[in-house]
Every structure is written in structure tokens, then in C-alpha cells.
PDB file of all heavy atoms in Angstrom:
ATOM      1  N   ILE A   1    -165.623-246.778 152.878  1.00  0.00           N
ATOM      2  CA  ILE A   1    -164.394-246.212 152.233  1.00  0.00           C
ATOM      3  C   ILE A   1    -164.142-244.872 152.892  1.00  0.00           C
ATOM      4  O   ILE A   1    -162.992-244.471 153.312  1.00  0.00           O
ATOM      5  CB  ILE A   1    -164.621-246.122 150.753  1.00  0.00           C
ATOM      6  CG1 ILE A   1    -164.620-247.459 150.071  1.00  0.00           C
ATOM      7  CG2 ILE A   1    -163.539-245.203 150.063  1.00  0.00           C
ATOM      8  CD1 ILE A   1    -165.088-247.472 148.540  1.00  0.00           C
ATOM      9  N   VAL A   2    -165.109-244.010 152.958  1.00  0.00           N
ATOM     10  CA  VAL A   2    -164.946-242.657 153.359  1.00  0.00           C
ATOM     11  C   VAL A   2    -164.468-242.582 154.851  1.00  0.00           C
ATOM     12  O   VAL A   2    -163.611-241.744 155.198  1.00  0.00           O
ATOM     13  CB  VAL A   2    -166.186-241.806 153.173  1.00  0.00           C
ATOM     14  CG1 VAL A   2    -166.238-240.498 153.850  1.00  0.00           C
ATOM     15  CG2 VAL A   2    -166.647-241.738 151.690  1.00  0.00           C
ATOM     16  N   GLN A   3    -165.131-243.364 155.623  1.00  0.00           N
ATOM     17  CA  GLN A   3    -164.843-243.394 157.093  1.00  0.00           C
ATOM     18  C   GLN A   3    -163.367-243.876 157.275  1.00  0.00           C
ATOM     19  O   GLN A   3    -162.660-243.403 158.201  1.00  0.00           O
ATOM     20  CB  GLN A   3    -165.894-244.124 157.931  1.00  0.00           C
ATOM     21  CG  GLN A   3    -165.844-243.821 159.375  1.00  0.00           C
ATOM     22  CD  GLN A   3    -166.333-242.333 159.608  1.00  0.00           C
ATOM     23  OE1 GLN A   3    -167.315-241.985 159.076  1.00  0.00           O
ATOM     24  NE2 GLN A   3    -165.676-241.724 160.643  1.00  0.00           N
ATOM     25  N   THR A   4    -163.022-244.961 156.603  1.00  0.00           N
ATOM     26  CA  THR A   4    -161.687-245.488 156.775  1.00  0.00           C
ATOM     27  C   THR A   4    -160.584-244.498 156.288  1.00  0.00           C
ATOM     28  O   THR A   4    -159.600-244.317 156.918  1.00  0.00           O
ATOM     29  CB  THR A   4    -161.535-246.777 156.054  1.00  0.00           C
ATOM     30  OG1 THR A   4    -162.545-247.750 156.479  1.00  0.00           O
ATOM     31  CG2 THR A   4    -160.213-247.443 156.227  1.00  0.00           C
ATOM     32  N   THR A   5    -160.883-243.934 155.161  1.00  0.00           N
ATOM     33  CA  THR A   5    -159.941-242.921 154.645  1.00  0.00           C
ATOM     34  C   THR A   5    -159.733-241.810 155.524  1.00  0.00           C
ATOM     35  O   THR A   5    -158.632-241.244 155.913  1.00  0.00           O
ATOM     36  CB  THR A   5    -160.353-242.453 153.250  1.00  0.00           C
ATOM     37  OG1 THR A   5    -160.566-243.531 152.389  1.00  0.00           O
ATOM     38  CG2 THR A   5    -159.369-241.351 152.628  1.00  0.00           C
ATOM     39  N   SER A   6    -160.942-241.209 156.096  1.00  0.00           N
ATOM     40  CA  SER A   6    -160.859-240.217 156.992  1.00  0.00           C
ATOM     41  C   SER A   6    -160.061-240.559 158.385  1.00  0.00           C
ATOM     42  O   SER A   6    -159.386-239.832 158.864  1.00  0.00           O
ATOM     43  CB  SER A   6    -162.273-239.763 157.370  1.00  0.00           C
ATOM     44  OG  SER A   6    -162.374-238.711 158.421  1.00  0.00           O
ATOM     45  N   GLY A   7    -160.246-241.798 158.657  1.00  0.00           N
ATOM     46  CA  GLY A   7    -159.558-242.288 159.976  1.00  0.00           C
ATOM     47  C   GLY A   7    -158.100-242.260 159.711  1.00  0.00           C
ATOM     48  O   GLY A   7    -157.333-241.757 160.710  1.00  0.00           O
ATOM     49  N   VAL A   8    -157.627-242.689 158.596  1.00  0.00           N
ATOM     50  CA  VAL A   8    -156.136-242.575 158.330  1.00  0.00           C
ATOM     51  C   VAL A   8    -155.666-241.192 158.303  1.00  0.00           C
ATOM     52  O   VAL A   8    -154.602-240.893 158.927  1.00  0.00           O
ATOM     53  CB  VAL A   8    -155.785-243.357 156.889  1.00  0.00           C
ATOM     54  CG1 VAL A   8    -154.320-243.144 156.676  1.00  0.00           C
ATOM     55  CG2 VAL A   8    -156.259-244.762 157.073  1.00  0.00           C
ATOM     56  N   HIS A   9    -156.379-240.306 157.735  1.00  0.00           N
ATOM     57  CA  HIS A   9    -156.067-238.877 157.582  1.00  0.00           C
ATOM     58  C   HIS A   9    -156.051-238.180 158.884  1.00  0.00           C
ATOM     59  O   HIS A   9    -155.288-237.193 159.121  1.00  0.00           O
ATOM     60  CB  HIS A   9    -156.959-238.152 156.670  1.00  0.00           C
ATOM     61  CG  HIS A   9    -156.735-238.470 155.245  1.00  0.00           C
ATOM     62  ND1 HIS A   9    -157.600-238.215 154.187  1.00  0.00           N
ATOM     63  CD2 HIS A   9    -155.700-239.213 154.600  1.00  0.00           C
ATOM     64  CE1 HIS A   9    -157.154-238.676 153.062  1.00  0.00           C
ATOM     65  NE2 HIS A   9    -155.964-239.176 153.273  1.00  0.00           N
ATOM     66  N   THR A  10    -156.800-238.665 159.935  1.00  0.00           N
ATOM     67  CA  THR A  10    -156.814-237.926 161.222  1.00  0.00           C
ATOM     68  C   THR A  10    -155.976-238.643 162.360  1.00  0.00           C
ATOM     69  O   THR A  10    -156.098-238.265 163.501  1.00  0.00           O
ATOM     70  CB  THR A  10    -158.380-237.951 161.674  1.00  0.00           C
ATOM     71  OG1 THR A  10    -158.871-239.177 161.752  1.00  0.00           O
ATOM     72  CG2 THR A  10    -159.168-237.070 160.714  1.00  0.00           C
ATOM     73  N   ILE A  11    -155.161-239.545 161.902  1.00  0.00           N
ATOM     74  CA  ILE A  11    -154.321-240.186 162.956  1.00  0.00           C
ATOM     75  C   ILE A  11    -153.394-239.054 163.527  1.00  0.00           C
ATOM     76  O   ILE A  11    -152.793-238.263 162.713  1.00  0.00           O
ATOM     77  CB  ILE A  11    -153.478-241.240 162.316  1.00  0.00           C
ATOM     78  CG1 ILE A  11    -154.320-242.427 161.814  1.00  0.00           C
ATOM     79  CG2 ILE A  11    -152.389-241.759 163.205  1.00  0.00           C
ATOM     80  CD1 ILE A  11    -153.652-243.538 161.125  1.00  0.00           C
ATOM     81  N   ASP A  12    -153.240-239.113 164.829  1.00  0.00           N
ATOM     82  CA  ASP A  12    -152.370-238.220 165.460  1.00  0.00           C
ATOM     83  C   ASP A  12    -150.985-238.447 164.961  1.00  0.00           C
ATOM     84  O   ASP A  12    -150.413-239.478 165.027  1.00  0.00           O
ATOM     85  CB  ASP A  12    -152.359-238.463 167.036  1.00  0.00           C
ATOM     86  CG  ASP A  12    -151.706-237.379 167.762  1.00  0.00           C
ATOM     87  OD1 ASP A  12    -150.761-236.699 167.326  1.00  0.00           O
ATOM     88  OD2 ASP A  12    -152.141-237.095 168.914  1.00  0.00           O
ATOM     89  N   ARG A  13    -150.314-237.316 164.386  1.00  0.00           N
ATOM     90  CA  ARG A  13    -149.045-237.470 163.741  1.00  0.00           C
ATOM     91  C   ARG A  13    -147.950-237.770 164.780  1.00  0.00           C
ATOM     92  O   ARG A  13    -146.847-238.231 164.296  1.00  0.00           O
ATOM     93  CB  ARG A  13    -148.706-236.091 163.083  1.00  0.00           C
ATOM     94  CG  ARG A  13    -149.674-235.769 161.908  1.00  0.00           C
ATOM     95  CD  ARG A  13    -149.596-236.932 160.866  1.00  0.00           C
ATOM     96  NE  ARG A  13    -150.763-236.806 160.007  1.00  0.00           N
ATOM     97  CZ  ARG A  13    -151.022-237.707 158.988  1.00  0.00           C
ATOM     98  NH1 ARG A  13    -150.194-238.623 158.832  1.00  0.00           N
ATOM     99  NH2 ARG A  13    -152.092-237.604 158.282  1.00  0.00           N
ATOM    100  N   ARG A  14    -148.213-237.620 166.035  1.00  0.00           N
ATOM    101  CA  ARG A  14    -147.208-238.009 167.026  1.00  0.00           C
ATOM    102  C   ARG A  14    -146.835-239.548 166.995  1.00  0.00           C
ATOM    103  O   ARG A  14    -145.759-239.877 167.199  1.00  0.00           O
ATOM    104  CB  ARG A  14    -147.679-237.645 168.421  1.00  0.00           C
ATOM    105  CG  ARG A  14    -147.806-236.089 168.669  1.00  0.00           C
ATOM    106  CD  ARG A  14    -148.277-235.837 170.077  1.00  0.00           C
ATOM    107  NE  ARG A  14    -149.617-236.353 170.262  1.00  0.00           N
ATOM    108  CZ  ARG A  14    -150.301-236.262 171.361  1.00  0.00           C
ATOM    109  NH1 ARG A  14    -149.647-235.836 172.535  1.00  0.00           N
ATOM    110  NH2 ARG A  14    -151.570-236.758 171.421  1.00  0.00           N
ATOM    111  N   TYR A  15    -147.931-240.312 166.679  1.00  0.00           N
ATOM    112  CA  TYR A  15    -147.767-241.779 166.572  1.00  0.00           C
ATOM    113  C   TYR A  15    -146.703-242.032 165.370  1.00  0.00           C
ATOM    114  O   TYR A  15    -145.837-242.908 165.557  1.00  0.00           O
ATOM    115  CB  TYR A  15    -149.090-242.462 166.409  1.00  0.00           C
ATOM    116  CG  TYR A  15    -150.005-242.235 167.449  1.00  0.00           C
ATOM    117  CD1 TYR A  15    -151.429-242.315 167.200  1.00  0.00           C
ATOM    118  CD2 TYR A  15    -149.647-242.048 168.801  1.00  0.00           C
ATOM    119  CE1 TYR A  15    -152.393-242.102 168.204  1.00  0.00           C
ATOM    120  CE2 TYR A  15    -150.664-241.867 169.864  1.00  0.00           C
ATOM    121  CZ  TYR A  15    -151.957-241.804 169.452  1.00  0.00           C
ATOM    122  OH  TYR A  15    -152.834-241.692 170.422  1.00  0.00           O
ATOM    123  N   LEU A  16    -146.942-241.406 164.310  1.00  0.00           N
ATOM    124  CA  LEU A  16    -146.223-241.668 163.103  1.00  0.00           C
ATOM    125  C   LEU A  16    -144.732-241.168 163.246  1.00  0.00           C
ATOM    126  O   LEU A  16    -143.887-241.827 162.858  1.00  0.00           O
ATOM    127  CB  LEU A  16    -146.839-240.985 161.867  1.00  0.00           C
ATOM    128  CG  LEU A  16    -148.264-241.341 161.603  1.00  0.00           C
ATOM    129  CD1 LEU A  16    -148.786-240.693 160.219  1.00  0.00           C
ATOM    130  CD2 LEU A  16    -148.373-242.841 161.365  1.00  0.00           C
ATOM    131  N   ARG A  17    -144.653-239.983 163.966  1.00  0.00           N
ATOM    132  CA  ARG A  17    -143.229-239.481 164.222  1.00  0.00           C
ATOM    133  C   ARG A  17    -142.440-240.342 165.145  1.00  0.00           C
ATOM    134  O   ARG A  17    -141.295-240.561 164.916  1.00  0.00           O
ATOM    135  CB  ARG A  17    -143.334-238.083 164.668  1.00  0.00           C
ATOM    136  CG  ARG A  17    -143.777-236.975 163.534  1.00  0.00           C
ATOM    137  CD  ARG A  17    -143.515-235.571 163.999  1.00  0.00           C
ATOM    138  NE  ARG A  17    -144.285-235.170 165.149  1.00  0.00           N
ATOM    139  CZ  ARG A  17    -145.453-234.588 165.037  1.00  0.00           C
ATOM    140  NH1 ARG A  17    -145.992-234.314 163.902  1.00  0.00           N
ATOM    141  NH2 ARG A  17    -146.099-234.280 166.129  1.00  0.00           N
ATOM    142  N   ALA A  18    -143.198-240.837 166.181  1.00  0.00           N
ATOM    143  CA  ALA A  18    -142.565-241.702 167.097  1.00  0.00           C
ATOM    144  C   ALA A  18    -142.031-242.984 166.441  1.00  0.00           C
ATOM    145  O   ALA A  18    -140.873-243.444 166.781  1.00  0.00           O
ATOM    146  CB  ALA A  18    -143.476-241.989 168.262  1.00  0.00           C
ATOM    147  N   ALA A  19    -142.900-243.512 165.615  1.00  0.00           N
ATOM    148  CA  ALA A  19    -142.506-244.791 164.956  1.00  0.00           C
ATOM    149  C   ALA A  19    -141.288-244.457 164.020  1.00  0.00           C
ATOM    150  O   ALA A  19    -140.334-245.265 163.903  1.00  0.00           O
ATOM    151  CB  ALA A  19    -143.726-245.344 164.095  1.00  0.00           C
ATOM    152  N   ALA A  20    -141.351-243.342 163.411  1.00  0.00           N
ATOM    153  CA  ALA A  20    -140.272-243.062 162.396  1.00  0.00           C
ATOM    154  C   ALA A  20    -139.038-242.770 163.095  1.00  0.00           C
ATOM    155  O   ALA A  20    -137.845-243.152 162.649  1.00  0.00           O
ATOM    156  CB  ALA A  20    -140.615-241.792 161.614  1.00  0.00           C
ATOM    157  N   ASN A  21    -138.966-242.255 164.304  1.00  0.00           N
ATOM    158  CA  ASN A  21    -137.815-241.993 165.099  1.00  0.00           C
ATOM    159  C   ASN A  21    -137.163-243.320 165.539  1.00  0.00           C
ATOM    160  O   ASN A  21    -135.958-243.374 165.716  1.00  0.00           O
ATOM    161  CB  ASN A  21    -138.196-241.090 166.352  1.00  0.00           C
ATOM    162  CG  ASN A  21    -138.512-239.766 165.973  1.00  0.00           C
ATOM    163  OD1 ASN A  21    -138.108-239.228 164.957  1.00  0.00           O
ATOM    164  ND2 ASN A  21    -139.254-239.088 166.921  1.00  0.00           N
ATOM    165  N   PHE A  22    -137.958-244.399 165.654  1.00  0.00           N
ATOM    166  CA  PHE A  22    -137.368-245.671 165.979  1.00  0.00           C
ATOM    167  C   PHE A  22    -136.987-246.433 164.798  1.00  0.00           C
ATOM    168  O   PHE A  22    -136.526-247.629 164.863  1.00  0.00           O
ATOM    169  CB  PHE A  22    -138.366-246.475 166.791  1.00  0.00           C
ATOM    170  CG  PHE A  22    -138.554-246.100 168.262  1.00  0.00           C
ATOM    171  CD1 PHE A  22    -139.518-245.293 168.670  1.00  0.00           C
ATOM    172  CD2 PHE A  22    -137.525-246.396 169.131  1.00  0.00           C
ATOM    173  CE1 PHE A  22    -139.664-244.891 170.019  1.00  0.00           C
ATOM    174  CE2 PHE A  22    -137.633-246.015 170.431  1.00  0.00           C
ATOM    175  CZ  PHE A  22    -138.735-245.297 170.921  1.00  0.00           C
ATOM    176  N   GLY A  23    -136.972-245.817 163.591  1.00  0.00           N
ATOM    177  CA  GLY A  23    -136.553-246.439 162.461  1.00  0.00           C
ATOM    178  C   GLY A  23    -137.469-247.513 161.878  1.00  0.00           C
ATOM    179  O   GLY A  23    -137.020-248.421 161.088  1.00  0.00           O
ATOM    180  N   VAL A  24    -138.710-247.352 162.223  1.00  0.00           N
ATOM    181  CA  VAL A  24    -139.713-248.402 161.725  1.00  0.00           C
ATOM    182  C   VAL A  24    -139.990-248.135 160.222  1.00  0.00           C
ATOM    183  O   VAL A  24    -140.219-247.041 159.796  1.00  0.00           O
ATOM    184  CB  VAL A  24    -141.032-248.208 162.566  1.00  0.00           C
ATOM    185  CG1 VAL A  24    -142.056-249.166 161.960  1.00  0.00           C
ATOM    186  CG2 VAL A  24    -140.809-248.533 164.000  1.00  0.00           C
ATOM    187  N   SER A  25    -140.002-249.285 159.437  1.00  0.00           N
ATOM    188  CA  SER A  25    -140.243-249.146 158.018  1.00  0.00           C
ATOM    189  C   SER A  25    -141.641-248.693 157.799  1.00  0.00           C
ATOM    190  O   SER A  25    -142.507-248.898 158.644  1.00  0.00           O
ATOM    191  CB  SER A  25    -139.936-250.553 157.383  1.00  0.00           C
ATOM    192  OG  SER A  25    -140.928-251.511 157.755  1.00  0.00           O
ATOM    193  N   ARG A  26    -141.948-248.247 156.540  1.00  0.00           N
ATOM    194  CA  ARG A  26    -143.267-247.861 156.240  1.00  0.00           C
ATOM    195  C   ARG A  26    -144.269-248.936 156.248  1.00  0.00           C
ATOM    196  O   ARG A  26    -145.335-248.796 156.753  1.00  0.00           O
ATOM    197  CB  ARG A  26    -143.217-247.179 154.768  1.00  0.00           C
ATOM    198  CG  ARG A  26    -144.496-246.481 154.420  1.00  0.00           C
ATOM    199  CD  ARG A  26    -144.262-245.748 153.084  1.00  0.00           C
ATOM    200  NE  ARG A  26    -145.532-245.215 152.551  1.00  0.00           N
ATOM    201  CZ  ARG A  26    -145.954-244.123 152.954  1.00  0.00           C
ATOM    202  NH1 ARG A  26    -145.488-243.318 153.810  1.00  0.00           N
ATOM    203  NH2 ARG A  26    -147.101-243.650 152.309  1.00  0.00           N
ATOM    204  N   ARG A  27    -143.789-250.186 155.830  1.00  0.00           N
ATOM    205  CA  ARG A  27    -144.764-251.266 155.859  1.00  0.00           C
ATOM    206  C   ARG A  27    -145.162-251.664 157.295  1.00  0.00           C
ATOM    207  O   ARG A  27    -146.342-251.895 157.607  1.00  0.00           O
ATOM    208  CB  ARG A  27    -144.126-252.521 155.123  1.00  0.00           C
ATOM    209  CG  ARG A  27    -145.025-253.731 155.128  1.00  0.00           C
ATOM    210  CD  ARG A  27    -144.307-254.857 154.401  1.00  0.00           C
ATOM    211  NE  ARG A  27    -144.297-254.455 152.981  1.00  0.00           N
ATOM    212  CZ  ARG A  27    -143.706-255.249 152.037  1.00  0.00           C
ATOM    213  NH1 ARG A  27    -143.253-256.510 152.500  1.00  0.00           N
ATOM    214  NH2 ARG A  27    -143.651-254.963 150.807  1.00  0.00           N
ATOM    215  N   VAL A  28    -144.090-251.706 158.205  1.00  0.00           N
ATOM    216  CA  VAL A  28    -144.446-252.042 159.543  1.00  0.00           C
ATOM    217  C   VAL A  28    -145.140-250.980 160.318  1.00  0.00           C
ATOM    218  O   VAL A  28    -146.044-251.254 161.055  1.00  0.00           O
ATOM    219  CB  VAL A  28    -143.101-252.327 160.320  1.00  0.00           C
ATOM    220  CG1 VAL A  28    -143.365-252.489 161.776  1.00  0.00           C
ATOM    221  CG2 VAL A  28    -142.427-253.493 159.730  1.00  0.00           C
ATOM    222  N   MET A  29    -144.907-249.719 159.960  1.00  0.00           N
ATOM    223  CA  MET A  29    -145.761-248.604 160.482  1.00  0.00           C
ATOM    224  C   MET A  29    -147.172-248.751 160.154  1.00  0.00           C
ATOM    225  O   MET A  29    -148.049-248.435 160.946  1.00  0.00           O
ATOM    226  CB  MET A  29    -145.119-247.289 160.113  1.00  0.00           C
ATOM    227  CG  MET A  29    -145.756-246.083 160.635  1.00  0.00           C
ATOM    228  SD  MET A  29    -145.215-244.539 159.961  1.00  0.00           S
ATOM    229  CE  MET A  29    -143.459-244.597 160.339  1.00  0.00           C
ATOM    230  N   PHE A  30    -147.414-249.074 158.920  1.00  0.00           N
ATOM    231  CA  PHE A  30    -148.777-249.244 158.408  1.00  0.00           C
ATOM    232  C   PHE A  30    -149.501-250.373 159.202  1.00  0.00           C
ATOM    233  O   PHE A  30    -150.640-250.202 159.598  1.00  0.00           O
ATOM    234  CB  PHE A  30    -148.815-249.575 156.855  1.00  0.00           C
ATOM    235  CG  PHE A  30    -150.173-249.642 156.274  1.00  0.00           C
ATOM    236  CD1 PHE A  30    -150.909-248.570 156.023  1.00  0.00           C
ATOM    237  CD2 PHE A  30    -150.764-250.969 156.107  1.00  0.00           C
ATOM    238  CE1 PHE A  30    -152.206-248.640 155.492  1.00  0.00           C
ATOM    239  CE2 PHE A  30    -152.041-251.078 155.509  1.00  0.00           C
ATOM    240  CZ  PHE A  30    -152.704-249.937 155.194  1.00  0.00           C
ATOM    241  N   ARG A  31    -148.794-251.457 159.391  1.00  0.00           N
ATOM    242  CA  ARG A  31    -149.398-252.658 159.982  1.00  0.00           C
ATOM    243  C   ARG A  31    -149.629-252.412 161.527  1.00  0.00           C
ATOM    244  O   ARG A  31    -150.588-252.858 162.104  1.00  0.00           O
ATOM    245  CB  ARG A  31    -148.660-253.847 159.743  1.00  0.00           C
ATOM    246  CG  ARG A  31    -149.306-255.149 160.203  1.00  0.00           C
ATOM    247  CD  ARG A  31    -148.517-256.376 159.742  1.00  0.00           C
ATOM    248  NE  ARG A  31    -147.215-256.426 160.594  1.00  0.00           N
ATOM    249  CZ  ARG A  31    -146.041-256.310 160.087  1.00  0.00           C
ATOM    250  NH1 ARG A  31    -145.927-256.014 158.670  1.00  0.00           N
ATOM    251  NH2 ARG A  31    -144.962-256.435 160.727  1.00  0.00           N
ATOM    252  N   ARG A  32    -148.589-251.931 162.142  1.00  0.00           N
ATOM    253  CA  ARG A  32    -148.596-251.826 163.649  1.00  0.00           C
ATOM    254  C   ARG A  32    -149.050-250.489 164.196  1.00  0.00           C
ATOM    255  O   ARG A  32    -149.387-250.443 165.405  1.00  0.00           O
ATOM    256  CB  ARG A  32    -147.200-252.020 164.104  1.00  0.00           C
ATOM    257  CG  ARG A  32    -146.566-253.414 163.700  1.00  0.00           C
ATOM    258  CD  ARG A  32    -147.315-254.563 164.404  1.00  0.00           C
ATOM    259  NE  ARG A  32    -147.134-254.441 165.779  1.00  0.00           N
ATOM    260  CZ  ARG A  32    -146.110-255.036 166.450  1.00  0.00           C
ATOM    261  NH1 ARG A  32    -145.176-255.717 165.847  1.00  0.00           N
ATOM    262  NH2 ARG A  32    -146.043-255.024 167.785  1.00  0.00           N
ATOM    263  N   VAL A  33    -149.123-249.485 163.475  1.00  0.00           N
ATOM    264  CA  VAL A  33    -149.501-248.100 163.880  1.00  0.00           C
ATOM    265  C   VAL A  33    -150.831-247.627 163.225  1.00  0.00           C
ATOM    266  O   VAL A  33    -151.819-247.354 163.943  1.00  0.00           O
ATOM    267  CB  VAL A  33    -148.370-247.034 163.639  1.00  0.00           C
ATOM    268  CG1 VAL A  33    -148.866-245.717 164.176  1.00  0.00           C
ATOM    269  CG2 VAL A  33    -147.029-247.464 164.397  1.00  0.00           C
ATOM    270  N   VAL A  34    -150.860-247.648 161.929  1.00  0.00           N
ATOM    271  CA  VAL A  34    -151.975-247.061 161.201  1.00  0.00           C
ATOM    272  C   VAL A  34    -153.272-247.853 161.382  1.00  0.00           C
ATOM    273  O   VAL A  34    -154.356-247.329 161.801  1.00  0.00           O
ATOM    274  CB  VAL A  34    -151.639-246.904 159.680  1.00  0.00           C
ATOM    275  CG1 VAL A  34    -152.892-246.472 158.864  1.00  0.00           C
ATOM    276  CG2 VAL A  34    -150.439-245.917 159.448  1.00  0.00           C
ATOM    277  N   ILE A  35    -153.105-249.223 161.164  1.00  0.00           N
ATOM    278  CA  ILE A  35    -154.390-250.036 161.265  1.00  0.00           C
ATOM    279  C   ILE A  35    -154.949-249.968 162.643  1.00  0.00           C
ATOM    280  O   ILE A  35    -156.172-249.752 162.820  1.00  0.00           O
ATOM    281  CB  ILE A  35    -154.049-251.398 160.742  1.00  0.00           C
ATOM    282  CG1 ILE A  35    -153.793-251.443 159.244  1.00  0.00           C
ATOM    283  CG2 ILE A  35    -155.230-252.351 161.089  1.00  0.00           C
ATOM    284  CD1 ILE A  35    -153.481-252.787 158.701  1.00  0.00           C
ATOM    285  N   PRO A  36    -154.100-250.193 163.753  1.00  0.00           N
ATOM    286  CA  PRO A  36    -154.793-250.035 165.061  1.00  0.00           C
ATOM    287  C   PRO A  36    -155.391-248.717 165.370  1.00  0.00           C
ATOM    288  O   PRO A  36    -156.454-248.644 166.032  1.00  0.00           O
ATOM    289  CB  PRO A  36    -153.591-250.307 165.973  1.00  0.00           C
ATOM    290  CG  PRO A  36    -152.696-251.215 165.164  1.00  0.00           C
ATOM    291  CD  PRO A  36    -152.766-250.665 163.793  1.00  0.00           C
ATOM    292  N   ALA A  37    -154.691-247.654 164.916  1.00  0.00           N
ATOM    293  CA  ALA A  37    -155.271-246.370 165.166  1.00  0.00           C
ATOM    294  C   ALA A  37    -156.584-246.049 164.343  1.00  0.00           C
ATOM    295  O   ALA A  37    -157.346-245.225 164.918  1.00  0.00           O
ATOM    296  CB  ALA A  37    -154.144-245.254 164.687  1.00  0.00           C
ATOM    297  N   VAL A  38    -156.708-246.684 163.256  1.00  0.00           N
ATOM    298  CA  VAL A  38    -157.966-246.351 162.471  1.00  0.00           C
ATOM    299  C   VAL A  38    -159.095-247.373 162.682  1.00  0.00           C
ATOM    300  O   VAL A  38    -160.264-247.072 162.302  1.00  0.00           O
ATOM    301  CB  VAL A  38    -157.514-246.448 160.985  1.00  0.00           C
ATOM    302  CG1 VAL A  38    -157.559-247.890 160.381  1.00  0.00           C
ATOM    303  CG2 VAL A  38    -158.442-245.522 160.088  1.00  0.00           C
ATOM    304  N   LEU A  39    -158.954-248.243 163.583  1.00  0.00           N
ATOM    305  CA  LEU A  39    -159.982-249.266 163.831  1.00  0.00           C
ATOM    306  C   LEU A  39    -161.182-248.625 164.332  1.00  0.00           C
ATOM    307  O   LEU A  39    -162.369-248.938 163.971  1.00  0.00           O
ATOM    308  CB  LEU A  39    -159.455-250.369 164.810  1.00  0.00           C
ATOM    309  CG  LEU A  39    -158.646-251.433 164.211  1.00  0.00           C
ATOM    310  CD1 LEU A  39    -158.149-252.408 165.333  1.00  0.00           C
ATOM    311  CD2 LEU A  39    -159.414-252.232 163.149  1.00  0.00           C
ATOM    312  N   PRO A  40    -161.161-247.731 165.282  1.00  0.00           N
ATOM    313  CA  PRO A  40    -162.360-247.015 165.756  1.00  0.00           C
ATOM    314  C   PRO A  40    -163.205-246.330 164.668  1.00  0.00           C
ATOM    315  O   PRO A  40    -164.478-246.467 164.731  1.00  0.00           O
ATOM    316  CB  PRO A  40    -161.964-245.956 166.808  1.00  0.00           C
ATOM    317  CG  PRO A  40    -160.575-246.547 167.220  1.00  0.00           C
ATOM    318  CD  PRO A  40    -160.029-247.203 166.049  1.00  0.00           C
ATOM    319  N   GLU A  41    -162.432-245.793 163.719  1.00  0.00           N
ATOM    320  CA  GLU A  41    -163.170-245.101 162.563  1.00  0.00           C
ATOM    321  C   GLU A  41    -163.820-246.199 161.672  1.00  0.00           C
ATOM    322  O   GLU A  41    -164.951-245.955 161.145  1.00  0.00           O
ATOM    323  CB  GLU A  41    -162.300-244.254 161.746  1.00  0.00           C
ATOM    324  CG  GLU A  41    -161.632-243.098 162.582  1.00  0.00           C
ATOM    325  CD  GLU A  41    -162.706-242.100 163.003  1.00  0.00           C
ATOM    326  OE1 GLU A  41    -163.756-242.009 162.336  1.00  0.00           O
ATOM    327  OE2 GLU A  41    -162.575-241.427 164.089  1.00  0.00           O
ATOM    328  N   ILE A  42    -163.188-247.332 161.547  1.00  0.00           N
ATOM    329  CA  ILE A  42    -163.725-248.377 160.687  1.00  0.00           C
ATOM    330  C   ILE A  42    -164.942-248.866 161.241  1.00  0.00           C
ATOM    331  O   ILE A  42    -165.992-249.172 160.627  1.00  0.00           O
ATOM    332  CB  ILE A  42    -162.667-249.495 160.563  1.00  0.00           C
ATOM    333  CG1 ILE A  42    -161.410-249.025 159.751  1.00  0.00           C
ATOM    334  CG2 ILE A  42    -163.279-250.703 159.893  1.00  0.00           C
ATOM    335  CD1 ILE A  42    -160.367-250.097 159.563  1.00  0.00           C
ATOM    336  N   ILE A  43    -164.957-249.011 162.635  1.00  0.00           N
ATOM    337  CA  ILE A  43    -166.225-249.502 163.353  1.00  0.00           C
ATOM    338  C   ILE A  43    -167.349-248.496 163.092  1.00  0.00           C
ATOM    339  O   ILE A  43    -168.532-248.888 162.936  1.00  0.00           O
ATOM    340  CB  ILE A  43    -165.936-249.678 164.802  1.00  0.00           C
ATOM    341  CG1 ILE A  43    -164.980-250.840 165.005  1.00  0.00           C
ATOM    342  CG2 ILE A  43    -167.289-250.010 165.635  1.00  0.00           C
ATOM    343  CD1 ILE A  43    -164.502-251.215 166.418  1.00  0.00           C
ATOM    344  N   ILE A  44    -167.037-247.238 163.210  1.00  0.00           N
ATOM    345  CA  ILE A  44    -168.046-246.208 162.877  1.00  0.00           C
ATOM    346  C   ILE A  44    -168.621-246.380 161.438  1.00  0.00           C
ATOM    347  O   ILE A  44    -169.851-246.297 161.260  1.00  0.00           O
ATOM    348  CB  ILE A  44    -167.581-244.750 163.053  1.00  0.00           C
ATOM    349  CG1 ILE A  44    -167.209-244.581 164.542  1.00  0.00           C
ATOM    350  CG2 ILE A  44    -168.549-243.666 162.637  1.00  0.00           C
ATOM    351  CD1 ILE A  44    -166.569-243.145 164.847  1.00  0.00           C
TER     352      ILE A  44
END
């Protein structure tokens, strides 16, 4: 729980801003940006 939560909080905001600029919905952003970005922290 702690490592996954921390992983989401430490995602580089450039990824989220880039997705938002392309009009990506929050649900799609979570599935296509957040989850892949946080996978290394989940493995830790």
C-alpha cells in the first residue's frame, strides 16, 4: 500500500500534463499513464 501510494505521488507531472494537453480523460490517464508509471514502485 505504502509503496504503491508513494509511486503515484512521485509520478513526473510532465506525463500527466502531456496527457491532459491531448484531452485524455481521467480514467484513460489512470489506465495508460499512472499504472505503467507506478509499476517499478509496485515491484519494490
